[in-house]
C-alpha atoms as a PDB file:
ATOM      1  CA  UNK A   1     -15.805   3.081  10.639  1.00  0.00           C
ATOM      2  CA  UNK A   2     -13.597   1.236   8.269  1.00  0.00           C
ATOM      3  CA  UNK A   3     -11.251  -1.670   9.063  1.00  0.00           C
ATOM      4  CA  UNK A   4      -8.040  -2.313   6.864  1.00  0.00           C
ATOM      5  CA  UNK A   5      -6.074  -5.426   6.918  1.00  0.00           C
ATOM      6  CA  UNK A   6      -2.933  -5.862   4.761  1.00  0.00           C
ATOM      7  CA  UNK A   7      -1.500  -8.886   3.775  1.00  0.00           C
ATOM      8  CA  UNK A   8       1.014 -10.066   1.188  1.00  0.00           C
ATOM      9  CA  UNK A   9       4.294  -8.993   2.962  1.00  0.00           C
ATOM     10  CA  UNK A  10       7.287 -11.370   3.425  1.00  0.00           C
ATOM     11  CA  UNK A  11      10.760 -12.107   2.111  1.00  0.00           C
ATOM     12  CA  UNK A  12      11.742 -11.544  -1.034  1.00  0.00           C
ATOM     13  CA  UNK A  13      15.039 -11.358  -3.001  1.00  0.00           C
ATOM     14  CA  UNK A  14      16.312  -8.208  -4.883  1.00  0.00           C
ATOM     15  CA  UNK A  15      14.720  -7.788  -8.127  1.00  0.00           C
ATOM     16  CA  UNK A  16      11.741 -10.071  -6.957  1.00  0.00           C
ATOM     17  CA  UNK A  17       8.141  -9.260  -7.136  1.00  0.00           C
ATOM     18  CA  UNK A  18       5.527  -9.021  -4.177  1.00  0.00           C
ATOM     19  CA  UNK A  19       1.845  -7.829  -4.336  1.00  0.00           C
ATOM     20  CA  UNK A  20       0.360  -6.349  -1.157  1.00  0.00           C
ATOM     21  CA  UNK A  21      -3.429  -6.191  -0.682  1.00  0.00           C
ATOM     22  CA  UNK A  22      -5.544  -4.312   1.841  1.00  0.00           C
ATOM     23  CA  UNK A  23      -8.998  -5.504   2.550  1.00  0.00           C
ATOM     24  CA  UNK A  24     -11.576  -3.175   3.877  1.00  0.00           C
ATOM     25  CA  UNK A  25     -14.522  -3.716   5.750  1.00  0.00           C
ATOM     26  CA  UNK A  26     -17.276  -1.740   7.926  1.00  0.00           C
ATOM     27  CA  UNK A  27     -18.180   0.691   5.454  1.00  0.00           C
ATOM     28  CA  UNK A  28     -18.436   1.529   1.724  1.00  0.00           C
ATOM     29  CA  UNK A  29     -15.193   1.284   0.045  1.00  0.00           C
ATOM     30  CA  UNK A  30     -15.930   3.137  -2.854  1.00  0.00           C
ATOM     31  CA  UNK A  31     -16.210   6.257  -1.249  1.00  0.00           C
ATOM     32  CA  UNK A  32     -12.478   6.370  -0.100  1.00  0.00           C
ATOM     33  CA  UNK A  33      -9.249   7.580  -1.580  1.00  0.00           C
ATOM     34  CA  UNK A  34      -6.782   4.914  -1.240  1.00  0.00           C
ATOM     35  CA  UNK A  35      -2.919   4.995  -0.464  1.00  0.00           C
ATOM     36  CA  UNK A  36       0.268   3.019   0.588  1.00  0.00           C
ATOM     37  CA  UNK A  37       2.675   4.202   2.783  1.00  0.00           C
ATOM     38  CA  UNK A  38       6.021   2.874   4.446  1.00  0.00           C
ATOM     39  CA  UNK A  39       8.226   2.843   7.469  1.00  0.00           C
ATOM     40  CA  UNK A  40      11.616   1.626   7.468  1.00  0.00           C
ATOM     41  CA  UNK A  41      13.416   1.233  11.046  1.00  0.00           C
ATOM     42  CA  UNK A  42      14.406   4.598  12.541  1.00  0.00           C
ATOM     43  CA  UNK A  43      12.576   6.449   9.829  1.00  0.00           C
ATOM     44  CA  UNK A  44       9.490   8.219   9.408  1.00  0.00           C
ATOM     45  CA  UNK A  45       6.486   7.226   7.636  1.00  0.00           C
ATOM     46  CA  UNK A  46       6.896   8.050   3.903  1.00  0.00           C
ATOM     47  CA  UNK A  47       4.120   8.196   1.212  1.00  0.00           C
ATOM     48  CA  UNK A  48       4.378   5.725  -1.504  1.00  0.00           C
ATOM     49  CA  UNK A  49       1.267   5.616  -3.753  1.00  0.00           C
ATOM     50  CA  UNK A  50      -2.334   6.622  -3.491  1.00  0.00           C
ATOM     51  CA  UNK A  51      -5.242   6.000  -5.830  1.00  0.00           C
ATOM     52  CA  UNK A  52      -8.330   8.296  -5.794  1.00  0.00           C
ATOM     53  CA  UNK A  53     -12.055   7.296  -5.982  1.00  0.00           C
ATOM     54  CA  UNK A  54     -12.147   7.609  -9.779  1.00  0.00           C
ATOM     55  CA  UNK A  55      -8.792   5.721 -10.306  1.00  0.00           C
ATOM     56  CA  UNK A  56      -6.281   8.265 -10.831  1.00  0.00           C
ATOM     57  CA  UNK A  57      -2.892   7.179  -9.211  1.00  0.00           C
ATOM     58  CA  UNK A  58       0.198   9.054  -7.996  1.00  0.00           C
ATOM     59  CA  UNK A  59       3.449   7.803  -6.955  1.00  0.00           C
ATOM     60  CA  UNK A  60       6.596   8.876  -4.851  1.00  0.00           C
ATOM     61  CA  UNK A  61       9.761   9.351  -7.338  1.00  0.00           C
ATOM     62  CA  UNK A  62      11.398   6.242  -5.360  1.00  0.00           C
ATOM     63  CA  UNK A  63       8.864   3.672  -6.584  1.00  0.00           C
ATOM     64  CA  UNK A  64       7.917   5.568  -9.955  1.00  0.00           C
ATOM     65  CA  UNK A  65       8.031   2.799 -12.800  1.00  0.00           C
ATOM     66  CA  UNK A  66       8.275  -0.131 -10.230  1.00  0.00           C
ATOM     67  CA  UNK A  67       5.064  -0.196  -8.085  1.00  0.00           C
ATOM     68  CA  UNK A  68       1.369  -0.177  -9.211  1.00  0.00           C
ATOM     69  CA  UNK A  69      -1.322   0.655  -7.328  1.00  0.00           C
ATOM     70  CA  UNK A  70      -4.978  -0.404  -8.169  1.00  0.00           C
ATOM     71  CA  UNK A  71      -8.160  -0.942  -6.575  1.00  0.00           C
ATOM     72  CA  UNK A  72     -11.170  -3.668  -7.033  1.00  0.00           C
ATOM     73  CA  UNK A  73     -14.321  -1.917  -5.436  1.00  0.00           C
ATOM     74  CA  UNK A  74     -16.244  -4.965  -6.068  1.00  0.00           C
ATOM     75  CA  UNK A  75     -13.681  -6.666  -3.676  1.00  0.00           C
ATOM     76  CA  UNK A  76     -13.288  -3.901  -1.302  1.00  0.00           C
ATOM     77  CA  UNK A  77      -9.730  -4.433  -1.846  1.00  0.00           C
ATOM     78  CA  UNK A  78      -6.748  -1.855  -2.967  1.00  0.00           C
ATOM     79  CA  UNK A  79      -3.269  -3.692  -4.115  1.00  0.00           C
ATOM     80  CA  UNK A  80       0.390  -2.479  -4.427  1.00  0.00           C
ATOM     81  CA  UNK A  81       2.092  -4.518  -7.047  1.00  0.00           C
ATOM     82  CA  UNK A  82       5.531  -4.336  -6.310  1.00  0.00           C
ATOM     83  CA  UNK A  83       8.203  -5.036  -8.899  1.00  0.00           C
ATOM     84  CA  UNK A  84      12.165  -4.855  -9.033  1.00  0.00           C
ATOM     85  CA  UNK A  85      12.498  -4.681  -5.605  1.00  0.00           C
ATOM     86  CA  UNK A  86      15.426  -3.221  -3.846  1.00  0.00           C
ATOM     87  CA  UNK A  87      16.776  -3.619  -0.102  1.00  0.00           C
ATOM     88  CA  UNK A  88      15.610  -0.072   0.257  1.00  0.00           C
ATOM     89  CA  UNK A  89      12.208  -0.811  -0.227  1.00  0.00           C
ATOM     90  CA  UNK A  90      12.498  -2.796   3.016  1.00  0.00           C
ATOM     91  CA  UNK A  91       9.931  -1.420   5.524  1.00  0.00           C
ATOM     92  CA  UNK A  92       6.413  -2.135   7.194  1.00  0.00           C
ATOM     93  CA  UNK A  93       3.814  -1.242   4.571  1.00  0.00           C
ATOM     94  CA  UNK A  94       0.649   0.531   5.587  1.00  0.00           C
ATOM     95  CA  UNK A  95      -2.689   0.816   3.979  1.00  0.00           C
ATOM     96  CA  UNK A  96      -4.539   3.887   4.306  1.00  0.00           C
ATOM     97  CA  UNK A  97      -8.127   5.223   3.560  1.00  0.00           C
ATOM     98  CA  UNK A  98      -9.109   8.818   3.212  1.00  0.00           C
ATOM     99  CA  UNK A  99     -12.703  10.229   2.983  1.00  0.00           C
ATOM    100  CA  UNK A 100     -13.274  14.168   3.667  1.00  0.00           C
ATOM    101  CA  UNK A 101     -11.389  14.545   7.075  1.00  0.00           C
ATOM    102  CA  UNK A 102     -11.450  10.819   7.851  1.00  0.00           C
ATOM    103  CA  UNK A 103      -8.501   8.752   7.721  1.00  0.00           C
ATOM    104  CA  UNK A 104      -7.949   5.364   8.656  1.00  0.00           C
ATOM    105  CA  UNK A 105      -4.717   2.865   9.083  1.00  0.00           C
ATOM    106  CA  UNK A 106      -4.194  -0.700   8.478  1.00  0.00           C
ATOM    107  CA  UNK A 107      -1.682  -2.670  10.932  1.00  0.00           C
ATOM    108  CA  UNK A 108       0.977  -2.770   8.597  1.00  0.00           C
ATOM    109  CA  UNK A 109       2.772  -5.835   6.847  1.00  0.00           C
ATOM    110  CA  UNK A 110       6.566  -6.508   6.582  1.00  0.00           C
ATOM    111  CA  UNK A 111       8.389  -6.473   3.432  1.00  0.00           C
ATOM    112  CA  UNK A 112      12.044  -7.383   3.459  1.00  0.00           C
ATOM    113  CA  UNK A 113      13.993  -7.380   0.458  1.00  0.00           C
ATOM    114  CA  UNK A 114      17.350  -9.311   0.964  1.00  0.00           C
ATOM    115  CA  UNK A 115      19.383 -12.016  -0.627  1.00  0.00           C
END
């Protein structure tokens, strides 16, 4: 019912910054709570950040103070601004949209933090 496409991933040096985007289509973007998850090789998919329909945000302890989630309903897009990146942040990052019992995922975008 909603399609999600992540972009903005790539290779960045430790301490650098990167902004991920998640563009939604196929439904009304504003009704969804949005979130970001990540999965490193050999690991489970971990929750990173979420933003509600009203704009309230929450972050995992591992990224608090470094990452910022935001949304632009006019552009049907959610963002993840990542600052002070560490090698431990290396993972595939996934965008998630949730409404009631509905749950949708993007295809993921690779973020690699390395010198």
